Protein backbone atom coordinates (compact mmCIF):
# COMPACT_ATOMS: atom_id res chain seq x y z
CA MET A 1 -55.64 15.76 29.58
CA SER A 2 -51.91 15.30 30.13
CA ALA A 3 -49.26 16.72 27.82
CA ALA A 4 -48.46 13.25 26.44
CA GLU A 5 -52.13 12.59 25.71
CA GLN A 6 -52.42 15.94 23.96
CA VAL A 7 -49.46 15.10 21.71
CA LEU A 8 -50.89 11.67 20.84
CA ALA A 9 -54.30 13.18 20.16
CA SER A 10 -52.88 15.80 17.81
CA GLY A 11 -52.07 15.17 14.16
CA ASP A 12 -48.35 15.60 14.86
CA ALA A 13 -48.08 12.50 17.04
CA VAL A 14 -44.65 10.88 17.07
CA PRO A 15 -44.63 7.66 14.98
CA LEU A 16 -44.47 4.48 17.02
CA SER A 17 -41.11 3.54 15.45
CA LEU A 18 -39.56 6.77 16.78
CA ARG A 19 -40.88 6.62 20.34
CA GLY A 20 -38.61 5.54 23.16
CA PRO A 21 -36.11 6.86 25.68
CA ALA A 22 -33.13 6.85 23.26
CA PRO A 23 -32.66 9.00 20.13
CA THR A 24 -33.05 7.25 16.78
CA ARG A 25 -29.36 7.83 16.03
CA VAL A 26 -28.33 5.89 19.13
CA VAL A 27 -30.74 3.02 18.47
CA ALA A 28 -29.64 2.72 14.83
CA GLY A 29 -25.97 2.79 15.80
CA TYR A 30 -26.44 0.18 18.50
CA GLY A 31 -28.38 -2.11 16.17
CA PHE A 32 -25.73 -1.84 13.47
CA TRP A 33 -22.95 -2.63 15.94
CA LEU A 34 -24.86 -5.81 16.82
CA PHE A 35 -24.99 -6.67 13.11
CA LEU A 36 -21.24 -6.12 12.76
CA LEU A 37 -20.57 -8.34 15.77
CA SER A 38 -22.62 -11.13 14.21
CA ASP A 39 -20.63 -10.69 10.99
CA ILE A 40 -17.35 -10.88 12.90
CA ILE A 41 -18.51 -14.17 14.45
CA ILE A 42 -19.07 -15.56 10.94
CA PHE A 43 -15.58 -14.56 9.87
CA ALA A 44 -14.10 -15.93 13.10
CA ALA A 45 -15.65 -19.31 12.29
CA LEU A 46 -14.24 -19.15 8.74
CA PHE A 47 -10.78 -18.23 10.05
CA ALA A 48 -10.92 -21.15 12.48
CA ALA A 49 -11.97 -23.54 9.71
CA TYR A 50 -9.16 -22.32 7.47
CA ALA A 51 -6.60 -22.71 10.26
CA VAL A 52 -7.64 -26.33 10.71
CA LEU A 53 -7.76 -27.12 6.98
CA SER A 54 -4.79 -25.11 5.73
CA GLY A 55 -2.44 -28.11 5.81
CA GLU A 56 -4.88 -30.54 4.19
CA THR A 57 -3.82 -30.20 0.56
CA ALA A 58 -4.55 -33.83 -0.46
CA GLY A 59 -1.33 -33.85 -2.47
CA GLY A 60 -2.44 -30.77 -4.42
CA PRO A 61 -0.92 -27.29 -4.66
CA THR A 62 -0.17 -25.37 -1.49
CA GLY A 63 -0.65 -21.70 -0.75
CA GLU A 64 3.06 -21.04 -1.22
CA THR A 65 2.88 -22.21 -4.85
CA LEU A 66 -0.48 -20.58 -5.63
CA PHE A 67 -0.36 -17.15 -3.99
CA ASP A 68 1.33 -14.26 -5.78
CA LYS A 69 2.63 -11.88 -3.10
CA GLY A 70 2.85 -8.91 -5.46
CA HIS A 71 -0.72 -9.41 -6.63
CA VAL A 72 -1.99 -9.62 -3.06
CA LEU A 73 -0.04 -6.52 -2.02
CA ILE A 74 -1.79 -4.50 -4.73
CA GLU A 75 -5.16 -5.86 -3.57
CA THR A 76 -4.36 -4.89 0.01
CA ALA A 77 -3.19 -1.41 -0.97
CA CYS A 78 -6.42 -0.78 -2.89
CA LEU A 79 -8.66 -1.86 -0.03
CA LEU A 80 -6.72 0.04 2.66
CA ALA A 81 -6.66 3.16 0.47
CA SER A 82 -10.42 2.85 0.02
CA SER A 83 -10.78 2.95 3.80
CA VAL A 84 -8.95 6.28 3.86
CA THR A 85 -11.07 7.78 1.10
CA CYS A 86 -14.21 6.45 2.81
CA GLY A 87 -13.13 8.32 5.95
CA PHE A 88 -12.77 11.57 3.99
CA GLY A 89 -16.18 10.92 2.44
CA SER A 90 -17.73 10.45 5.87
CA LEU A 91 -16.26 13.80 6.98
CA ALA A 92 -17.75 15.40 3.87
CA VAL A 93 -21.16 13.95 4.79
CA GLN A 94 -20.88 15.41 8.30
CA SER A 95 -20.05 18.84 6.89
CA GLY A 96 -22.86 18.62 4.32
CA ASN A 97 -20.51 19.07 1.35
CA ARG A 98 -22.18 17.25 -1.54
CA ASN A 99 -19.37 17.62 -4.10
CA SER A 100 -16.72 16.33 -1.70
CA THR A 101 -18.98 13.43 -0.76
CA TYR A 102 -19.36 12.45 -4.42
CA PHE A 103 -15.62 12.81 -5.03
CA TRP A 104 -14.34 10.76 -2.11
CA MET A 105 -17.03 8.10 -2.32
CA ALA A 106 -16.46 7.73 -6.07
CA ILE A 107 -12.77 7.06 -5.40
CA THR A 108 -13.80 4.58 -2.70
CA PHE A 109 -16.02 2.82 -5.22
CA ILE A 110 -13.27 2.69 -7.87
CA LEU A 111 -10.76 1.26 -5.40
CA GLY A 112 -13.31 -1.31 -4.24
CA VAL A 113 -14.03 -2.39 -7.81
CA THR A 114 -10.29 -2.63 -8.50
CA PHE A 115 -9.87 -4.84 -5.43
CA LEU A 116 -12.70 -7.12 -6.58
CA SER A 117 -11.30 -7.32 -10.12
CA LEU A 118 -7.92 -8.41 -8.78
CA GLU A 119 -9.56 -10.99 -6.53
CA VAL A 120 -11.66 -12.40 -9.38
CA SER A 121 -8.56 -12.63 -11.58
CA GLU A 122 -6.79 -14.53 -8.78
CA PHE A 123 -9.68 -16.97 -8.46
CA SER A 124 -9.84 -17.43 -12.25
CA HIS A 125 -6.12 -18.19 -12.43
CA MET A 126 -6.41 -20.77 -9.66
CA LEU A 127 -9.38 -22.43 -11.36
CA GLU A 128 -7.43 -22.61 -14.63
CA LEU A 129 -4.69 -24.47 -12.75
CA GLY A 130 -7.25 -26.94 -11.43
CA ALA A 131 -7.01 -25.51 -7.93
CA GLY A 132 -10.72 -25.06 -7.31
CA PRO A 133 -12.54 -25.37 -3.99
CA SER A 134 -13.22 -29.07 -4.58
CA ARG A 135 -9.53 -29.92 -5.08
CA SER A 136 -8.65 -30.11 -1.38
CA ALA A 137 -9.86 -29.13 2.08
CA PHE A 138 -7.26 -26.34 2.10
CA LEU A 139 -8.73 -24.80 -1.05
CA SER A 140 -12.28 -25.25 0.25
CA GLY A 141 -11.35 -23.26 3.36
CA PHE A 142 -9.55 -20.64 1.26
CA PHE A 143 -12.39 -20.02 -1.18
CA ALA A 144 -14.96 -19.97 1.64
CA LEU A 145 -13.06 -17.35 3.66
CA VAL A 146 -11.79 -15.09 0.88
CA GLY A 147 -14.95 -15.51 -1.21
CA THR A 148 -17.17 -14.49 1.73
CA HIS A 149 -15.08 -11.37 2.22
CA GLY A 150 -15.35 -10.59 -1.51
CA LEU A 151 -19.12 -11.02 -1.33
CA HIS A 152 -19.25 -8.51 1.52
CA VAL A 153 -17.21 -6.02 -0.53
CA THR A 154 -19.61 -6.48 -3.45
CA LEU A 155 -22.63 -5.82 -1.23
CA GLY A 156 -20.85 -2.79 0.24
CA LEU A 157 -20.32 -1.32 -3.23
CA CYS A 158 -24.00 -1.82 -4.07
CA TRP A 159 -24.89 -0.13 -0.78
CA LEU A 160 -22.61 2.79 -1.64
CA ILE A 161 -24.38 3.33 -4.97
CA VAL A 162 -27.74 3.43 -3.17
CA MET A 163 -26.38 5.92 -0.62
CA LEU A 164 -25.07 8.26 -3.31
CA LEU A 165 -28.46 8.15 -5.02
CA GLN A 166 -30.08 9.04 -1.71
CA VAL A 167 -27.76 12.03 -1.32
CA ALA A 168 -28.72 13.16 -4.84
CA THR A 169 -32.47 12.84 -4.16
CA LEU A 170 -32.86 13.44 -0.42
CA GLY A 171 -29.80 15.49 0.48
CA PHE A 172 -28.17 15.18 3.89
CA GLN A 173 -31.22 14.36 5.93
CA PRO A 174 -30.53 12.79 9.36
CA MET A 175 -31.68 9.44 8.00
CA VAL A 176 -29.15 9.60 5.15
CA SER A 177 -26.33 10.70 7.46
CA ARG A 178 -27.06 7.80 9.82
CA ARG A 179 -26.92 5.34 6.94
CA PHE A 180 -23.62 6.77 5.75
CA PHE A 181 -22.29 6.37 9.29
CA CYS A 182 -23.31 2.69 9.25
CA PHE A 183 -21.76 2.23 5.82
CA GLY A 184 -18.48 3.64 7.10
CA LEU A 185 -18.47 1.18 10.00
CA PHE A 186 -19.18 -1.68 7.60
CA TRP A 187 -16.42 -0.71 5.17
CA HIS A 188 -13.79 -0.25 7.86
CA ALA A 189 -14.75 -3.60 9.38
CA LEU A 190 -14.08 -5.24 6.00
CA ASP A 191 -10.59 -3.71 6.02
CA ILE A 192 -9.93 -5.17 9.46
CA VAL A 193 -11.06 -8.60 8.27
CA TRP A 194 -8.84 -8.32 5.19
CA ILE A 195 -5.80 -7.55 7.35
CA GLY A 196 -6.51 -10.87 9.07
CA VAL A 197 -6.85 -12.61 5.68
CA PHE A 198 -3.63 -11.05 4.41
CA THR A 199 -1.71 -12.01 7.55
CA ILE A 200 -3.06 -15.51 8.21
CA VAL A 201 -3.76 -16.75 4.68
CA TYR A 202 -1.26 -15.07 2.38
CA LEU A 203 1.70 -14.29 4.65
CA GLY A 204 1.14 -17.48 6.61
CA ALA A 205 1.53 -19.51 3.41
CA HIS A 206 5.09 -18.19 2.93
CA LEU A 207 6.29 -18.68 6.53
């Protein structure tokens, strides 16, 4: 009997999901990069739609009259700062420091919630002015793009809560570390998308 057959015949056989030429870490990372690329394609389509529709206001309010630059700057600062704290949290995960992980990821969560609160208040103010997504093609494109980004941030915050619970119950097992690595990629990708939103949507409205 060959060595491979002996391993398969024993009770310690490698699970089918873990067999293959590449380590699990590499496969998981590669798969998550594919997911991020598909997400970027979605946002690219939304950016393209907004670019086409941004001038179609149907006689309604324009971005220049609706967008508060100071409000958006605070939003941007919160999200970019959360990317920094997420990076420190990822380093804490790599070093196996549980307290530092809780600290930095809690700050990341707070900054993310602050960003969402500011975004919701912006949407509420626009709706009160009658500038909802059905008012014009411009506003439809705006709410679709910015709202999709906000939905991703919301899902990311839910994911972060689950990850912190896994650290509390499972510790820094390789599976947990891999998931934190994927979360970091996801969160930083959202920051990159927001830079595009800030530049094209908000700054573009005042040019």
